Amino acid sequence: MGRIDWETKEAGHFEVYLVHHSGPSAAGEYLHALQLVDVATGWSERVALKGCGQQAMEAAFEHVLTHVPFALPSVTFSDE
C-alpha cells in the first residue's frame, strides 16, 4: 500500500491520519482525532474518538461516510 499521488484530480481519494492527544504520557485512556483529507479537493473530515479500538474506529468511519459528498474509491493510512 503506497501513498496517494497528491496530483490526483479525482475526488474521493483520502489520506487518513490518527492523532493521539495524550499530553506528556501515553499511559491510560486519552482522546484521538481521526482526520481524513481528500487529496483532490482538500475536503477534510475530523472525528474525536475516546480510544482507538475497533468499535470506535468503525463508528468514526461510518460518521465520515455520512458527511462526505462523494464516493471514496481509495483510503490510505498515513504512517507519519
Protein backbone atom coordinates (compact mmCIF):
# COMPACT_ATOMS: atom_id res chain seq x y z
CA MET A 1 0.00 0.00 0.00
CA GLY A 2 1.52 3.29 -1.06
CA ARG A 3 0.65 6.92 -0.66
CA ILE A 4 -1.85 8.64 -2.89
CA ASP A 5 -0.39 10.85 -5.61
CA TRP A 6 -1.14 14.43 -4.50
CA GLU A 7 -1.59 15.39 -8.18
CA THR A 8 -4.76 13.25 -8.30
CA LYS A 9 -7.70 15.18 -9.78
CA GLU A 10 -10.50 12.69 -8.94
CA ALA A 11 -12.34 13.40 -5.69
CA GLY A 12 -12.65 10.69 -3.06
CA HIS A 13 -9.05 9.58 -2.58
CA PHE A 14 -8.47 10.14 1.14
CA GLU A 15 -5.38 10.11 3.32
CA VAL A 16 -6.22 9.12 6.91
CA TYR A 17 -4.39 10.36 9.98
CA LEU A 18 -4.89 9.18 13.56
CA VAL A 19 -3.54 11.67 16.09
CA HIS A 20 -3.37 10.92 19.79
CA HIS A 21 -3.83 13.68 22.33
CA SER A 22 -2.22 12.18 25.42
CA GLY A 23 -0.18 15.05 26.77
CA PRO A 24 3.20 14.14 28.26
CA SER A 25 2.28 10.47 28.87
CA ALA A 26 0.74 7.84 26.59
CA ALA A 27 -0.45 5.82 29.60
CA GLY A 28 -4.16 5.24 30.19
CA GLU A 29 -7.07 6.36 28.03
CA TYR A 30 -6.97 9.57 26.06
CA LEU A 31 -8.59 11.17 23.05
CA HIS A 32 -7.68 10.58 19.44
CA ALA A 33 -8.56 12.60 16.37
CA LEU A 34 -9.28 10.71 13.17
CA GLN A 35 -8.76 13.04 10.22
CA LEU A 36 -9.43 12.24 6.58
CA VAL A 37 -8.20 14.60 3.85
CA ASP A 38 -9.29 14.32 0.21
CA VAL A 39 -6.25 14.74 -1.99
CA ALA A 40 -8.02 16.35 -4.98
CA THR A 41 -10.39 18.76 -3.25
CA GLY A 42 -8.87 19.32 0.18
CA TRP A 43 -12.17 18.27 1.78
CA SER A 44 -11.45 17.32 5.38
CA GLU A 45 -13.45 15.43 7.99
CA ARG A 46 -12.44 15.04 11.64
CA VAL A 47 -13.91 12.82 14.33
CA ALA A 48 -12.95 12.74 18.01
CA LEU A 49 -12.50 9.25 19.50
CA LYS A 50 -12.08 8.02 23.04
CA GLY A 51 -9.51 5.31 22.50
CA CYS A 52 -8.81 3.76 19.12
CA GLY A 53 -10.36 0.30 19.33
CA GLN A 54 -12.25 -1.39 16.52
CA GLN A 55 -15.72 -0.19 17.58
CA ALA A 56 -14.59 3.42 17.93
CA MET A 57 -12.88 3.34 14.53
CA GLU A 58 -15.89 1.73 12.82
CA ALA A 59 -18.23 4.35 14.30
CA ALA A 60 -15.89 7.14 13.20
CA PHE A 61 -15.71 5.86 9.61
CA GLU A 62 -19.49 5.40 9.48
CA HIS A 63 -19.86 9.01 10.64
CA VAL A 64 -17.46 10.22 7.94
CA LEU A 65 -19.24 8.25 5.21
CA THR A 66 -22.49 10.08 6.02
CA HIS A 67 -20.83 13.50 5.69
CA VAL A 68 -18.61 13.17 2.61
CA PRO A 69 -20.49 14.33 -0.53
CA PHE A 70 -18.78 11.88 -2.92
CA ALA A 71 -17.69 8.23 -3.15
CA LEU A 72 -14.42 7.06 -1.60
CA PRO A 73 -12.58 4.98 -4.24
CA SER A 74 -9.48 4.78 -2.04
CA VAL A 75 -8.43 5.38 1.54
CA THR A 76 -4.76 5.30 2.54
CA PHE A 77 -3.50 5.43 6.10
CA SER A 78 -0.61 7.80 6.65
CA ASP A 79 2.37 6.46 8.54
CA GLU A 80 3.54 9.91 9.63
